Amino acid sequence: MTKQNKVIHSDPEILGGTPVFVGTRVPVQNLIDCLEAGDSLEDFLASFPSVTREQAVAALEIAREALVSSAHTSR
């Protein structure tokens, strides 16, 4: 099982397949939106207590890895 599968899940029966944090109904997009709005990670975690710090950090690491990988392949 990959890191992404342990952190992010997509199921057509949960929010129409929107990627959510495993074990929650919290869309991963909510984390991105909060950070984009200038909120801290602590603010996000306080607003969505079903998401653990470890899940949020892992999701950000997955996003970073995807961006770095994408940047390297487009050279």
PDB file of N, CA and C in Angstrom:
ATOM      1  N   MET A   1       0.860  -1.187   0.000  1.00  0.00           N
ATOM      2  CA  MET A   1       0.000   0.000   0.000  1.00  0.00           C
ATOM      3  C   MET A   1       0.898   1.239   0.000  1.00  0.00           C
ATOM      4  N   THR A   2       0.634   2.164  -0.923  1.00  0.00           N
ATOM      5  CA  THR A   2       1.442   3.378  -1.008  1.00  0.00           C
ATOM      6  C   THR A   2       1.050   4.362   0.077  1.00  0.00           C
ATOM      7  N   LYS A   3       1.935   5.345   0.290  1.00  0.00           N
ATOM      8  CA  LYS A   3       1.636   6.385   1.269  1.00  0.00           C
ATOM      9  C   LYS A   3       0.325   7.080   0.947  1.00  0.00           C
ATOM     10  N   GLN A   4       0.097   7.343  -0.334  1.00  0.00           N
ATOM     11  CA  GLN A   4      -1.137   8.027  -0.730  1.00  0.00           C
ATOM     12  C   GLN A   4      -2.363   7.208  -0.346  1.00  0.00           C
ATOM     13  N   ASN A   5      -2.327   5.898  -0.542  1.00  0.00           N
ATOM     14  CA  ASN A   5      -3.464   5.049  -0.203  1.00  0.00           C
ATOM     15  C   ASN A   5      -3.745   5.013   1.291  1.00  0.00           C
ATOM     16  N   LYS A   6      -2.758   5.284   2.106  1.00  0.00           N
ATOM     17  CA  LYS A   6      -2.939   5.295   3.551  1.00  0.00           C
ATOM     18  C   LYS A   6      -3.494   6.631   4.042  1.00  0.00           C
ATOM     19  N   VAL A   7      -3.416   7.648   3.210  1.00  0.00           N
ATOM     20  CA  VAL A   7      -3.782   9.007   3.616  1.00  0.00           C
ATOM     21  C   VAL A   7      -5.003   9.519   2.873  1.00  0.00           C
ATOM     22  N   ILE A   8      -5.054   9.264   1.579  1.00  0.00           N
ATOM     23  CA  ILE A   8      -6.111   9.819   0.729  1.00  0.00           C
ATOM     24  C   ILE A   8      -6.904   8.675   0.116  1.00  0.00           C
ATOM     25  N   HIS A   9      -8.212   8.845   0.093  1.00  0.00           N
ATOM     26  CA  HIS A   9      -9.097   7.797  -0.425  1.00  0.00           C
ATOM     27  C   HIS A   9     -10.152   8.445  -1.319  1.00  0.00           C
ATOM     28  N   SER A  10     -10.497   7.756  -2.386  1.00  0.00           N
ATOM     29  CA  SER A  10     -11.556   8.224  -3.273  1.00  0.00           C
ATOM     30  C   SER A  10     -12.519   7.069  -3.499  1.00  0.00           C
ATOM     31  N   ASP A  11     -13.776   7.303  -3.190  1.00  0.00           N
ATOM     32  CA  ASP A  11     -14.815   6.277  -3.314  1.00  0.00           C
ATOM     33  C   ASP A  11     -16.071   6.953  -3.844  1.00  0.00           C
ATOM     34  N   PRO A  12     -16.649   6.427  -4.912  1.00  0.00           N
ATOM     35  CA  PRO A  12     -17.857   7.049  -5.470  1.00  0.00           C
ATOM     36  C   PRO A  12     -18.993   7.176  -4.460  1.00  0.00           C
ATOM     37  N   GLU A  13     -18.966   6.367  -3.414  1.00  0.00           N
ATOM     38  CA  GLU A  13     -20.014   6.406  -2.389  1.00  0.00           C
ATOM     39  C   GLU A  13     -19.761   7.493  -1.331  1.00  0.00           C
ATOM     40  N   ILE A  14     -18.570   8.084  -1.348  1.00  0.00           N
ATOM     41  CA  ILE A  14     -18.226   9.131  -0.383  1.00  0.00           C
ATOM     42  C   ILE A  14     -17.998  10.429  -1.147  1.00  0.00           C
ATOM     43  N   LEU A  15     -18.902  11.371  -0.957  1.00  0.00           N
ATOM     44  CA  LEU A  15     -18.826  12.682  -1.613  1.00  0.00           C
ATOM     45  C   LEU A  15     -18.607  12.569  -3.117  1.00  0.00           C
ATOM     46  N   GLY A  16     -19.244  11.579  -3.721  1.00  0.00           N
ATOM     47  CA  GLY A  16     -19.174  11.425  -5.171  1.00  0.00           C
ATOM     48  C   GLY A  16     -17.797  11.128  -5.717  1.00  0.00           C
ATOM     49  N   GLY A  17     -16.923  10.567  -4.888  1.00  0.00           N
ATOM     50  CA  GLY A  17     -15.581  10.218  -5.349  1.00  0.00           C
ATOM     51  C   GLY A  17     -14.533  11.289  -5.107  1.00  0.00           C
ATOM     52  N   THR A  18     -14.917  12.370  -4.447  1.00  0.00           N
ATOM     53  CA  THR A  18     -13.954  13.417  -4.108  1.00  0.00           C
ATOM     54  C   THR A  18     -12.859  12.828  -3.208  1.00  0.00           C
ATOM     55  N   PRO A  19     -11.585  13.083  -3.483  1.00  0.00           N
ATOM     56  CA  PRO A  19     -10.534  12.561  -2.604  1.00  0.00           C
ATOM     57  C   PRO A  19     -10.682  13.129  -1.183  1.00  0.00           C
ATOM     58  N   VAL A  20     -10.729  12.223  -0.212  1.00  0.00           N
ATOM     59  CA  VAL A  20     -10.879  12.604   1.186  1.00  0.00           C
ATOM     60  C   VAL A  20      -9.752  11.970   2.000  1.00  0.00           C
ATOM     61  N   PHE A  21      -9.559  12.476   3.201  1.00  0.00           N
ATOM     62  CA  PHE A  21      -8.618  11.847   4.117  1.00  0.00           C
ATOM     63  C   PHE A  21      -9.211  10.516   4.563  1.00  0.00           C
ATOM     64  N   VAL A  22      -8.406   9.466   4.576  1.00  0.00           N
ATOM     65  CA  VAL A  22      -8.862   8.131   4.967  1.00  0.00           C
ATOM     66  C   VAL A  22      -9.515   8.190   6.346  1.00  0.00           C
ATOM     67  N   GLY A  23     -10.674   7.542   6.457  1.00  0.00           N
ATOM     68  CA  GLY A  23     -11.389   7.472   7.726  1.00  0.00           C
ATOM     69  C   GLY A  23     -12.222   8.696   8.038  1.00  0.00           C
ATOM     70  N   THR A  24     -12.298   9.633   7.082  1.00  0.00           N
ATOM     71  CA  THR A  24     -13.066  10.864   7.286  1.00  0.00           C
ATOM     72  C   THR A  24     -13.904  11.133   6.041  1.00  0.00           C
ATOM     73  N   ARG A  25     -14.689  12.173   6.111  1.00  0.00           N
ATOM     74  CA  ARG A  25     -15.390  12.692   4.931  1.00  0.00           C
ATOM     75  C   ARG A  25     -14.863  14.094   4.612  1.00  0.00           C
ATOM     76  N   VAL A  26     -13.634  14.362   5.023  1.00  0.00           N
ATOM     77  CA  VAL A  26     -13.020  15.675   4.818  1.00  0.00           C
ATOM     78  C   VAL A  26     -12.234  15.659   3.507  1.00  0.00           C
ATOM     79  N   PRO A  27     -12.664  16.454   2.526  1.00  0.00           N
ATOM     80  CA  PRO A  27     -11.926  16.522   1.264  1.00  0.00           C
ATOM     81  C   PRO A  27     -10.512  17.070   1.468  1.00  0.00           C
ATOM     82  N   VAL A  28      -9.568  16.484   0.763  1.00  0.00           N
ATOM     83  CA  VAL A  28      -8.180  16.955   0.815  1.00  0.00           C
ATOM     84  C   VAL A  28      -8.115  18.402   0.330  1.00  0.00           C
ATOM     85  N   GLN A  29      -8.996  18.757  -0.593  1.00  0.00           N
ATOM     86  CA  GLN A  29      -9.041  20.125  -1.113  1.00  0.00           C
ATOM     87  C   GLN A  29      -9.242  21.141   0.007  1.00  0.00           C
ATOM     88  N   ASN A  30      -9.930  20.750   1.081  1.00  0.00           N
ATOM     89  CA  ASN A  30     -10.128  21.668   2.201  1.00  0.00           C
ATOM     90  C   ASN A  30      -8.798  22.105   2.807  1.00  0.00           C
ATOM     91  N   LEU A  31      -7.847  21.179   2.889  1.00  0.00           N
ATOM     92  CA  LEU A  31      -6.518  21.526   3.411  1.00  0.00           C
ATOM     93  C   LEU A  31      -5.854  22.546   2.501  1.00  0.00           C
ATOM     94  N   ILE A  32      -5.879  22.284   1.209  1.00  0.00           N
ATOM     95  CA  ILE A  32      -5.261  23.209   0.254  1.00  0.00           C
ATOM     96  C   ILE A  32      -5.938  24.575   0.316  1.00  0.00           C
ATOM     97  N   ASP A  33      -7.259  24.581   0.369  1.00  0.00           N
ATOM     98  CA  ASP A  33      -8.001  25.842   0.425  1.00  0.00           C
ATOM     99  C   ASP A  33      -7.655  26.634   1.681  1.00  0.00           C
ATOM    100  N   CYS A  34      -7.562  25.957   2.815  1.00  0.00           N
ATOM    101  CA  CYS A  34      -7.230  26.645   4.074  1.00  0.00           C
ATOM    102  C   CYS A  34      -5.837  27.272   4.005  1.00  0.00           C
ATOM    103  N   LEU A  35      -4.881  26.503   3.517  1.00  0.00           N
ATOM    104  CA  LEU A  35      -3.517  27.031   3.423  1.00  0.00           C
ATOM    105  C   LEU A  35      -3.438  28.175   2.420  1.00  0.00           C
ATOM    106  N   GLU A  36      -4.150  28.044   1.319  1.00  0.00           N
ATOM    107  CA  GLU A  36      -4.178  29.094   0.299  1.00  0.00           C
ATOM    108  C   GLU A  36      -4.775  30.386   0.857  1.00  0.00           C
ATOM    109  N   ALA A  37      -5.738  30.241   1.758  1.00  0.00           N
ATOM    110  CA  ALA A  37      -6.382  31.413   2.375  1.00  0.00           C
ATOM    111  C   ALA A  37      -5.518  32.047   3.464  1.00  0.00           C
ATOM    112  N   GLY A  38      -4.389  31.417   3.774  1.00  0.00           N
ATOM    113  CA  GLY A  38      -3.496  31.979   4.786  1.00  0.00           C
ATOM    114  C   GLY A  38      -3.673  31.379   6.170  1.00  0.00           C
ATOM    115  N   ASP A  39      -4.544  30.390   6.277  1.00  0.00           N
ATOM    116  CA  ASP A  39      -4.722  29.720   7.566  1.00  0.00           C
ATOM    117  C   ASP A  39      -3.533  28.809   7.831  1.00  0.00           C
ATOM    118  N   SER A  40      -3.270  28.566   9.089  1.00  0.00           N
ATOM    119  CA  SER A  40      -2.170  27.669   9.456  1.00  0.00           C
ATOM    120  C   SER A  40      -2.650  26.226   9.452  1.00  0.00           C
ATOM    121  N   LEU A  41      -1.704  25.316   9.505  1.00  0.00           N
ATOM    122  CA  LEU A  41      -2.047  23.907   9.621  1.00  0.00           C
ATOM    123  C   LEU A  41      -2.832  23.670  10.911  1.00  0.00           C
ATOM    124  N   GLU A  42      -2.456  24.367  11.964  1.00  0.00           N
ATOM    125  CA  GLU A  42      -3.168  24.235  13.239  1.00  0.00           C
ATOM    126  C   GLU A  42      -4.620  24.677  13.106  1.00  0.00           C
ATOM    127  N   ASP A  43      -4.855  25.746  12.341  1.00  0.00           N
ATOM    128  CA  ASP A  43      -6.231  26.209  12.098  1.00  0.00           C
ATOM    129  C   ASP A  43      -7.038  25.131  11.377  1.00  0.00           C
ATOM    130  N   PHE A  44      -6.427  24.537  10.361  1.00  0.00           N
ATOM    131  CA  PHE A  44      -7.108  23.472   9.616  1.00  0.00           C
ATOM    132  C   PHE A  44      -7.448  22.312  10.544  1.00  0.00           C
ATOM    133  N   LEU A  45      -6.477  21.880  11.329  1.00  0.00           N
ATOM    134  CA  LEU A  45      -6.699  20.736  12.221  1.00  0.00           C
ATOM    135  C   LEU A  45      -7.765  21.041  13.270  1.00  0.00           C
ATOM    136  N   ALA A  46      -7.837  22.270  13.725  1.00  0.00           N
ATOM    137  CA  ALA A  46      -8.872  22.657  14.692  1.00  0.00           C
ATOM    138  C   ALA A  46     -10.251  22.642  14.035  1.00  0.00           C
ATOM    139  N   SER A  47     -10.298  23.010  12.771  1.00  0.00           N
ATOM    140  CA  SER A  47     -11.571  23.031  12.045  1.00  0.00           C
ATOM    141  C   SER A  47     -12.031  21.637  11.631  1.00  0.00           C
ATOM    142  N   PHE A  48     -11.091  20.733  11.456  1.00  0.00           N
ATOM    143  CA  PHE A  48     -11.394  19.372  10.997  1.00  0.00           C
ATOM    144  C   PHE A  48     -10.711  18.361  11.926  1.00  0.00           C
ATOM    145  N   PRO A  49     -11.225  18.212  13.142  1.00  0.00           N
ATOM    146  CA  PRO A  49     -10.556  17.366  14.139  1.00  0.00           C
ATOM    147  C   PRO A  49     -10.483  15.880  13.783  1.00  0.00           C
ATOM    148  N   SER A  50     -11.243  15.430  12.794  1.00  0.00           N
ATOM    149  CA  SER A  50     -11.155  14.019  12.404  1.00  0.00           C
ATOM    150  C   SER A  50      -9.904  13.733  11.572  1.00  0.00           C
ATOM    151  N   VAL A  51      -9.246  14.780  11.096  1.00  0.00           N
ATOM    152  CA  VAL A  51      -7.995  14.628  10.342  1.00  0.00           C
ATOM    153  C   VAL A  51      -6.844  14.768  11.322  1.00  0.00           C
ATOM    154  N   THR A  52      -5.918  13.806  11.289  1.00  0.00           N
ATOM    155  CA  THR A  52      -4.765  13.880  12.178  1.00  0.00           C
ATOM    156  C   THR A  52      -3.669  14.749  11.557  1.00  0.00           C
ATOM    157  N   ARG A  53      -2.798  15.228  12.402  1.00  0.00           N
ATOM    158  CA  ARG A  53      -1.644  15.996  11.922  1.00  0.00           C
ATOM    159  C   ARG A  53      -0.825  15.146  10.950  1.00  0.00           C
ATOM    160  N   GLU A  54      -0.656  13.881  11.276  1.00  0.00           N
ATOM    161  CA  GLU A  54       0.128  12.989  10.430  1.00  0.00           C
ATOM    162  C   GLU A  54      -0.495  12.864   9.035  1.00  0.00           C
ATOM    163  N   GLN A  55      -1.828  12.773   8.979  1.00  0.00           N
ATOM    164  CA  GLN A  55      -2.499  12.700   7.680  1.00  0.00           C
ATOM    165  C   GLN A  55      -2.291  13.984   6.879  1.00  0.00           C
ATOM    166  N   ALA A  56      -2.448  15.115   7.533  1.00  0.00           N
ATOM    167  CA  ALA A  56      -2.308  16.399   6.838  1.00  0.00           C
ATOM    168  C   ALA A  56      -0.888  16.588   6.318  1.00  0.00           C
ATOM    169  N   VAL A  57       0.092  16.284   7.138  1.00  0.00           N
ATOM    170  CA  VAL A  57       1.490  16.425   6.721  1.00  0.00           C
ATOM    171  C   VAL A  57       1.799  15.453   5.585  1.00  0.00           C
ATOM    172  N   ALA A  58       1.303  14.219   5.697  1.00  0.00           N
ATOM    173  CA  ALA A  58       1.541  13.238   4.639  1.00  0.00           C
ATOM    174  C   ALA A  58       0.904  13.694   3.324  1.00  0.00           C
ATOM    175  N   ALA A  59      -0.287  14.275   3.380  1.00  0.00           N
ATOM    176  CA  ALA A  59      -0.933  14.774   2.166  1.00  0.00           C
ATOM    177  C   ALA A  59      -0.100  15.887   1.531  1.00  0.00           C
ATOM    178  N   LEU A  60       0.448  16.752   2.346  1.00  0.00           N
ATOM    179  CA  LEU A  60       1.306  17.818   1.821  1.00  0.00           C
ATOM    180  C   LEU A  60       2.584  17.242   1.215  1.00  0.00           C
ATOM    181  N   GLU A  61       3.127  16.201   1.828  1.00  0.00           N
ATOM    182  CA  GLU A  61       4.319  15.552   1.277  1.00  0.00           C
ATOM    183  C   GLU A  61       4.007  14.899  -0.067  1.00  0.00           C
ATOM    184  N   ILE A  62       2.841  14.277  -0.177  1.00  0.00           N
ATOM    185  CA  ILE A  62       2.421  13.674  -1.444  1.00  0.00           C
ATOM    186  C   ILE A  62       2.304  14.751  -2.518  1.00  0.00           C
ATOM    187  N   ALA A  63       1.710  15.880  -2.161  1.00  0.00           N
ATOM    188  CA  ALA A  63       1.569  16.987  -3.112  1.00  0.00           C
ATOM    189  C   ALA A  63       2.939  17.520  -3.525  1.00  0.00           C
ATOM    190  N   ARG A  64       3.844  17.654  -2.567  1.00  0.00           N
ATOM    191  CA  ARG A  64       5.199  18.137  -2.868  1.00  0.00           C
ATOM    192  C   ARG A  64       5.898  17.180  -3.812  1.00  0.00           C
ATOM    193  N   GLU A  65       5.811  15.884  -3.519  1.00  0.00           N
ATOM    194  CA  GLU A  65       6.460  14.880  -4.366  1.00  0.00           C
ATOM    195  C   GLU A  65       5.900  14.918  -5.787  1.00  0.00           C
ATOM    196  N   ALA A  66       4.594  15.091  -5.919  1.00  0.00           N
ATOM    197  CA  ALA A  66       3.972  15.165  -7.246  1.00  0.00           C
ATOM    198  C   ALA A  66       4.459  16.396  -8.002  1.00  0.00           C
ATOM    199  N   LEU A  67       4.566  17.520  -7.312  1.00  0.00           N
ATOM    200  CA  LEU A  67       5.038  18.744  -7.959  1.00  0.00           C
ATOM    201  C   LEU A  67       6.490  18.629  -8.382  1.00  0.00           C
ATOM    202  N   VAL A  68       7.319  18.086  -7.519  1.00  0.00           N
ATOM    203  CA  VAL A  68       8.737  17.932  -7.838  1.00  0.00           C
ATOM    204  C   VAL A  68       8.902  16.963  -9.005  1.00  0.00           C
ATOM    205  N   SER A  69       8.187  15.860  -8.963  1.00  0.00           N
ATOM    206  CA  SER A  69       8.246  14.886 -10.038  1.00  0.00           C
ATOM    207  C   SER A  69       7.800  15.492 -11.368  1.00  0.00           C
ATOM    208  N   SER A  70       6.728  16.250 -11.324  1.00  0.00           N
ATOM    209  CA  SER A  70       6.207  16.893 -12.528  1.00  0.00           C
ATOM    210  C   SER A  70       7.204  17.917 -13.071  1.00  0.00           C
ATOM    211  N   ALA A  71       7.832  18.646 -12.185  1.00  0.00           N
ATOM    212  CA  ALA A  71       8.805  19.659 -12.616  1.00  0.00           C
ATOM    213  C   ALA A  71      10.016  19.014 -13.271  1.00  0.00           C
ATOM    214  N   HIS A  72      10.446  17.882 -12.752  1.00  0.00           N
ATOM    215  CA  HIS A  72      11.622  17.192 -13.313  1.00  0.00           C
ATOM    216  C   HIS A  72      11.317  16.549 -14.652  1.00  0.00           C
ATOM    217  N   THR A  73      10.096  16.074 -14.849  1.00  0.00           N
ATOM    218  CA  THR A  73       9.783  15.407 -16.103  1.00  0.00           C
ATOM    219  C   THR A  73       9.515  16.362 -17.245  1.00  0.00           C
ATOM    220  N   SER A  74       9.254  17.628 -16.942  1.00  0.00           N
ATOM    221  CA  SER A  74       8.965  18.575 -18.016  1.00  0.00           C
ATOM    222  C   SER A  74      10.197  19.307 -18.530  1.00  0.00           C
ATOM    223  N   ARG A  75      11.358  18.935 -18.053  1.00  0.00           N
ATOM    224  CA  ARG A  75      12.597  19.579 -18.514  1.00  0.00           C
ATOM    225  C   ARG A  75      13.010  19.083 -19.852  1.00  0.00           C
TER     226      ARG A  75
END
